[in-house]
């Protein structure tokens, strides 16, 4: 795992693990609930591995919060209350974060994500942001850029800032 990705993947894994621990849900139970609720049939070991590697999309994280009955951040509540596909809900979460004071344009957010070591080109990253198809590590980067405290129940904001400070600048 590259130097730019490792701290963010680790933080993404921690966010998911904390959510699961707070609700006392293990990977076997999570896999069962995801299969029952969404028809996702993923082996508990594969799911645990994906979480450990930080290869969780924001959409899946939102689904995890839903199936474990975790209370989402207040800012995200509207996205959870609407019966739309989960990718649309992920998009709504991203947009709700972007619209905070002061609002940030998607182009500005993408440019700043790139400096924090996001692993996609700006064009691809812009497509991921606007579609809601974003990996959780990249979403965590967004939260730092936007100075959002939405995930304070799952991770300390200073840990996100520390990861940003330790990420080599683009081109390094």
C-alpha atoms as a PDB file:
ATOM      1  CA  UNK A   1       0.000   0.000   0.000  1.00  0.00           C
ATOM      2  CA  UNK A   2       1.408   3.382  -0.958  1.00  0.00           C
ATOM      3  CA  UNK A   3       2.549   5.945   1.579  1.00  0.00           C
ATOM      4  CA  UNK A   4      -0.258   8.281   0.495  1.00  0.00           C
ATOM      5  CA  UNK A   5      -3.026   5.686   0.871  1.00  0.00           C
ATOM      6  CA  UNK A   6      -1.998   3.760   4.007  1.00  0.00           C
ATOM      7  CA  UNK A   7      -3.012   6.244   6.730  1.00  0.00           C
ATOM      8  CA  UNK A   8      -6.374   6.913   5.075  1.00  0.00           C
ATOM      9  CA  UNK A   9      -7.129   3.215   4.534  1.00  0.00           C
ATOM     10  CA  UNK A  10      -6.261   2.575   8.179  1.00  0.00           C
ATOM     11  CA  UNK A  11      -8.589   5.351   9.315  1.00  0.00           C
ATOM     12  CA  UNK A  12     -11.391   4.069   7.071  1.00  0.00           C
ATOM     13  CA  UNK A  13     -10.989   0.606   8.586  1.00  0.00           C
ATOM     14  CA  UNK A  14     -11.064   2.122  12.065  1.00  0.00           C
ATOM     15  CA  UNK A  15     -14.287   4.048  11.330  1.00  0.00           C
ATOM     16  CA  UNK A  16     -16.057   0.857  10.230  1.00  0.00           C
ATOM     17  CA  UNK A  17     -14.670  -1.200  13.139  1.00  0.00           C
ATOM     18  CA  UNK A  18     -15.740   1.446  15.670  1.00  0.00           C
ATOM     19  CA  UNK A  19     -19.250   1.527  14.206  1.00  0.00           C
ATOM     20  CA  UNK A  20     -19.447  -2.258  14.495  1.00  0.00           C
ATOM     21  CA  UNK A  21     -17.996  -2.325  18.024  1.00  0.00           C
ATOM     22  CA  UNK A  22     -20.377   0.372  19.256  1.00  0.00           C
ATOM     23  CA  UNK A  23     -23.290  -1.870  18.217  1.00  0.00           C
ATOM     24  CA  UNK A  24     -21.559  -5.127  19.229  1.00  0.00           C
ATOM     25  CA  UNK A  25     -21.830  -6.554  15.716  1.00  0.00           C
ATOM     26  CA  UNK A  26     -19.173  -8.926  14.370  1.00  0.00           C
ATOM     27  CA  UNK A  27     -18.343  -9.618  10.726  1.00  0.00           C
ATOM     28  CA  UNK A  28     -20.406 -12.824  10.579  1.00  0.00           C
ATOM     29  CA  UNK A  29     -23.480 -10.978  11.825  1.00  0.00           C
ATOM     30  CA  UNK A  30     -22.744  -8.032   9.526  1.00  0.00           C
ATOM     31  CA  UNK A  31     -22.489 -10.347   6.521  1.00  0.00           C
ATOM     32  CA  UNK A  32     -25.789 -11.967   7.508  1.00  0.00           C
ATOM     33  CA  UNK A  33     -27.538  -8.603   7.897  1.00  0.00           C
ATOM     34  CA  UNK A  34     -26.184  -7.276   4.589  1.00  0.00           C
ATOM     35  CA  UNK A  35     -27.370 -10.451   2.848  1.00  0.00           C
ATOM     36  CA  UNK A  36     -30.807 -10.310   4.487  1.00  0.00           C
ATOM     37  CA  UNK A  37     -31.354  -6.596   3.910  1.00  0.00           C
ATOM     38  CA  UNK A  38     -29.619  -5.968   0.583  1.00  0.00           C
ATOM     39  CA  UNK A  39     -29.031  -9.395  -0.925  1.00  0.00           C
ATOM     40  CA  UNK A  40     -25.251  -8.925  -0.615  1.00  0.00           C
ATOM     41  CA  UNK A  41     -23.699 -12.317  -0.231  1.00  0.00           C
ATOM     42  CA  UNK A  42     -20.170 -11.734   0.943  1.00  0.00           C
ATOM     43  CA  UNK A  43     -18.221 -14.157   3.092  1.00  0.00           C
ATOM     44  CA  UNK A  44     -17.431 -12.795   6.565  1.00  0.00           C
ATOM     45  CA  UNK A  45     -13.661 -13.232   5.970  1.00  0.00           C
ATOM     46  CA  UNK A  46     -13.827 -11.365   2.660  1.00  0.00           C
ATOM     47  CA  UNK A  47     -15.818  -8.605   4.309  1.00  0.00           C
ATOM     48  CA  UNK A  48     -13.362  -8.373   7.218  1.00  0.00           C
ATOM     49  CA  UNK A  49     -10.469  -8.272   4.755  1.00  0.00           C
ATOM     50  CA  UNK A  50     -12.071  -5.509   2.712  1.00  0.00           C
ATOM     51  CA  UNK A  51     -12.625  -3.460   5.870  1.00  0.00           C
ATOM     52  CA  UNK A  52      -9.067  -4.083   7.103  1.00  0.00           C
ATOM     53  CA  UNK A  53      -7.675  -2.868   3.775  1.00  0.00           C
ATOM     54  CA  UNK A  54      -9.905   0.218   3.798  1.00  0.00           C
ATOM     55  CA  UNK A  55     -11.534  -0.891   0.515  1.00  0.00           C
ATOM     56  CA  UNK A  56     -15.017   0.150   1.568  1.00  0.00           C
ATOM     57  CA  UNK A  57     -17.038   2.554  -0.522  1.00  0.00           C
ATOM     58  CA  UNK A  58     -19.062   5.268   1.176  1.00  0.00           C
ATOM     59  CA  UNK A  59     -22.211   3.533  -0.104  1.00  0.00           C
ATOM     60  CA  UNK A  60     -21.311   0.331   1.778  1.00  0.00           C
ATOM     61  CA  UNK A  61     -20.428   2.290   4.903  1.00  0.00           C
ATOM     62  CA  UNK A  62     -23.876   3.888   4.835  1.00  0.00           C
ATOM     63  CA  UNK A  63     -25.462   0.459   4.352  1.00  0.00           C
ATOM     64  CA  UNK A  64     -23.454  -0.850   7.305  1.00  0.00           C
ATOM     65  CA  UNK A  65     -24.689   2.004   9.490  1.00  0.00           C
ATOM     66  CA  UNK A  66     -28.225   1.169   8.388  1.00  0.00           C
ATOM     67  CA  UNK A  67     -28.102  -2.591   9.038  1.00  0.00           C
ATOM     68  CA  UNK A  68     -26.460  -2.213  12.450  1.00  0.00           C
ATOM     69  CA  UNK A  69     -29.027   0.460  13.353  1.00  0.00           C
ATOM     70  CA  UNK A  70     -26.374   3.093  14.070  1.00  0.00           C
ATOM     71  CA  UNK A  71     -27.543   6.665  14.194  1.00  0.00           C
ATOM     72  CA  UNK A  72     -26.056   8.530  11.244  1.00  0.00           C
ATOM     73  CA  UNK A  73     -24.600  12.000  11.720  1.00  0.00           C
ATOM     74  CA  UNK A  74     -27.348  14.620  11.920  1.00  0.00           C
ATOM     75  CA  UNK A  75     -26.176  16.265   8.697  1.00  0.00           C
ATOM     76  CA  UNK A  76     -26.729  12.973   6.839  1.00  0.00           C
ATOM     77  CA  UNK A  77     -30.182  12.246   8.238  1.00  0.00           C
ATOM     78  CA  UNK A  78     -32.053  13.480   5.165  1.00  0.00           C
ATOM     79  CA  UNK A  79     -30.059  11.092   2.950  1.00  0.00           C
ATOM     80  CA  UNK A  80     -31.015   8.197   5.240  1.00  0.00           C
ATOM     81  CA  UNK A  81     -34.676   9.163   5.372  1.00  0.00           C
ATOM     82  CA  UNK A  82     -35.198   9.074   1.595  1.00  0.00           C
ATOM     83  CA  UNK A  83     -35.904   5.708  -0.049  1.00  0.00           C
ATOM     84  CA  UNK A  84     -33.437   6.038  -2.925  1.00  0.00           C
ATOM     85  CA  UNK A  85     -30.653   3.705  -4.072  1.00  0.00           C
ATOM     86  CA  UNK A  86     -27.673   3.743  -1.710  1.00  0.00           C
ATOM     87  CA  UNK A  87     -25.351   5.271  -4.285  1.00  0.00           C
ATOM     88  CA  UNK A  88     -27.793   8.207  -4.470  1.00  0.00           C
ATOM     89  CA  UNK A  89     -27.763   8.421  -0.685  1.00  0.00           C
ATOM     90  CA  UNK A  90     -23.950   8.487  -0.732  1.00  0.00           C
ATOM     91  CA  UNK A  91     -24.127  11.301  -3.258  1.00  0.00           C
ATOM     92  CA  UNK A  92     -26.573  13.159  -0.990  1.00  0.00           C
ATOM     93  CA  UNK A  93     -24.199  12.750   1.963  1.00  0.00           C
ATOM     94  CA  UNK A  94     -21.287  14.149  -0.057  1.00  0.00           C
ATOM     95  CA  UNK A  95     -23.391  17.082  -1.257  1.00  0.00           C
ATOM     96  CA  UNK A  96     -24.618  17.823   2.266  1.00  0.00           C
ATOM     97  CA  UNK A  97     -20.994  17.979   3.415  1.00  0.00           C
ATOM     98  CA  UNK A  98     -19.972  20.215   0.490  1.00  0.00           C
ATOM     99  CA  UNK A  99     -22.808  22.648   1.190  1.00  0.00           C
ATOM    100  CA  UNK A 100     -21.569  23.490   4.685  1.00  0.00           C
ATOM    101  CA  UNK A 101     -20.434  26.996   5.495  1.00  0.00           C
ATOM    102  CA  UNK A 102     -18.454  28.089   3.594  1.00  0.00           C
ATOM    103  CA  UNK A 103     -19.567  25.961   0.655  1.00  0.00           C
ATOM    104  CA  UNK A 104     -16.874  24.418  -1.534  1.00  0.00           C
ATOM    105  CA  UNK A 105     -17.241  23.745  -5.247  1.00  0.00           C
ATOM    106  CA  UNK A 106     -16.725  20.204  -6.482  1.00  0.00           C
ATOM    107  CA  UNK A 107     -13.776  21.388  -8.615  1.00  0.00           C
ATOM    108  CA  UNK A 108     -12.122  22.987  -5.583  1.00  0.00           C
ATOM    109  CA  UNK A 109     -12.759  19.885  -3.475  1.00  0.00           C
ATOM    110  CA  UNK A 110     -11.276  17.615  -6.169  1.00  0.00           C
ATOM    111  CA  UNK A 111      -8.188  19.804  -6.538  1.00  0.00           C
ATOM    112  CA  UNK A 112      -7.633  19.718  -2.780  1.00  0.00           C
ATOM    113  CA  UNK A 113      -8.250  15.951  -2.626  1.00  0.00           C
ATOM    114  CA  UNK A 114      -5.514  15.465  -5.190  1.00  0.00           C
ATOM    115  CA  UNK A 115      -3.032  17.314  -2.963  1.00  0.00           C
ATOM    116  CA  UNK A 116      -3.945  14.917  -0.137  1.00  0.00           C
ATOM    117  CA  UNK A 117      -2.907  11.937  -2.221  1.00  0.00           C
ATOM    118  CA  UNK A 118      -6.228  10.765  -3.642  1.00  0.00           C
ATOM    119  CA  UNK A 119      -5.446   7.880  -5.957  1.00  0.00           C
ATOM    120  CA  UNK A 120      -7.386   9.005  -9.030  1.00  0.00           C
ATOM    121  CA  UNK A 121      -6.970  11.635 -11.696  1.00  0.00           C
ATOM    122  CA  UNK A 122      -8.929  14.835 -11.080  1.00  0.00           C
ATOM    123  CA  UNK A 123     -11.416  13.923 -13.817  1.00  0.00           C
ATOM    124  CA  UNK A 124     -12.058  10.448 -12.379  1.00  0.00           C
ATOM    125  CA  UNK A 125     -12.226  11.809  -8.857  1.00  0.00           C
ATOM    126  CA  UNK A 126     -14.757  14.461  -9.915  1.00  0.00           C
ATOM    127  CA  UNK A 127     -16.904  11.701 -11.431  1.00  0.00           C
ATOM    128  CA  UNK A 128     -16.683   9.684  -8.192  1.00  0.00           C
ATOM    129  CA  UNK A 129     -17.597  12.706  -6.058  1.00  0.00           C
ATOM    130  CA  UNK A 130     -20.552  13.750  -8.204  1.00  0.00           C
ATOM    131  CA  UNK A 131     -21.910  10.194  -8.500  1.00  0.00           C
ATOM    132  CA  UNK A 132     -21.449   9.262  -4.824  1.00  0.00           C
ATOM    133  CA  UNK A 133     -19.189   6.376  -5.863  1.00  0.00           C
ATOM    134  CA  UNK A 134     -16.355   7.290  -3.515  1.00  0.00           C
ATOM    135  CA  UNK A 135     -14.164   5.058  -1.397  1.00  0.00           C
ATOM    136  CA  UNK A 136     -14.349   5.748   2.341  1.00  0.00           C
ATOM    137  CA  UNK A 137     -10.654   6.795   2.582  1.00  0.00           C
ATOM    138  CA  UNK A 138     -11.288   9.467  -0.051  1.00  0.00           C
ATOM    139  CA  UNK A 139     -14.452  10.556   1.743  1.00  0.00           C
ATOM    140  CA  UNK A 140     -12.431  10.943   4.952  1.00  0.00           C
ATOM    141  CA  UNK A 141     -10.076  13.221   3.027  1.00  0.00           C
ATOM    142  CA  UNK A 142     -13.138  15.235   1.981  1.00  0.00           C
ATOM    143  CA  UNK A 143     -14.154  15.626   5.611  1.00  0.00           C
ATOM    144  CA  UNK A 144     -10.750  17.097   6.469  1.00  0.00           C
ATOM    145  CA  UNK A 145     -10.874  19.515   3.549  1.00  0.00           C
ATOM    146  CA  UNK A 146     -14.410  20.543   4.486  1.00  0.00           C
ATOM    147  CA  UNK A 147     -13.511  20.706   8.188  1.00  0.00           C
ATOM    148  CA  UNK A 148     -16.472  18.454   8.908  1.00  0.00           C
ATOM    149  CA  UNK A 149     -16.944  16.849  12.289  1.00  0.00           C
ATOM    150  CA  UNK A 150     -19.684  14.517  11.035  1.00  0.00           C
ATOM    151  CA  UNK A 151     -17.877  11.333  12.034  1.00  0.00           C
ATOM    152  CA  UNK A 152     -16.839  12.438  15.518  1.00  0.00           C
ATOM    153  CA  UNK A 153     -18.851   9.535  16.975  1.00  0.00           C
ATOM    154  CA  UNK A 154     -16.583   7.108  15.105  1.00  0.00           C
ATOM    155  CA  UNK A 155     -13.178   8.793  14.899  1.00  0.00           C
ATOM    156  CA  UNK A 156     -11.424  11.786  16.379  1.00  0.00           C
ATOM    157  CA  UNK A 157     -11.157  14.662  13.938  1.00  0.00           C
ATOM    158  CA  UNK A 158      -7.551  15.272  15.001  1.00  0.00           C
ATOM    159  CA  UNK A 159      -6.669  11.782  13.697  1.00  0.00           C
ATOM    160  CA  UNK A 160      -7.999  12.799  10.282  1.00  0.00           C
ATOM    161  CA  UNK A 161      -6.006  16.034  10.418  1.00  0.00           C
ATOM    162  CA  UNK A 162      -2.910  14.071  11.449  1.00  0.00           C
ATOM    163  CA  UNK A 163      -3.298  11.785   8.431  1.00  0.00           C
ATOM    164  CA  UNK A 164      -3.603  14.830   6.186  1.00  0.00           C
ATOM    165  CA  UNK A 165      -0.473  16.358   7.704  1.00  0.00           C
ATOM    166  CA  UNK A 166       1.483  13.130   7.221  1.00  0.00           C
ATOM    167  CA  UNK A 167       0.386  12.583   3.615  1.00  0.00           C
ATOM    168  CA  UNK A 168       3.150  13.461   1.150  1.00  0.00           C
ATOM    169  CA  UNK A 169       2.165  16.248  -1.205  1.00  0.00           C
ATOM    170  CA  UNK A 170       1.293  15.295  -4.799  1.00  0.00           C
ATOM    171  CA  UNK A 171       4.405  14.763  -6.830  1.00  0.00           C
ATOM    172  CA  UNK A 172       6.489  13.676  -3.801  1.00  0.00           C
END
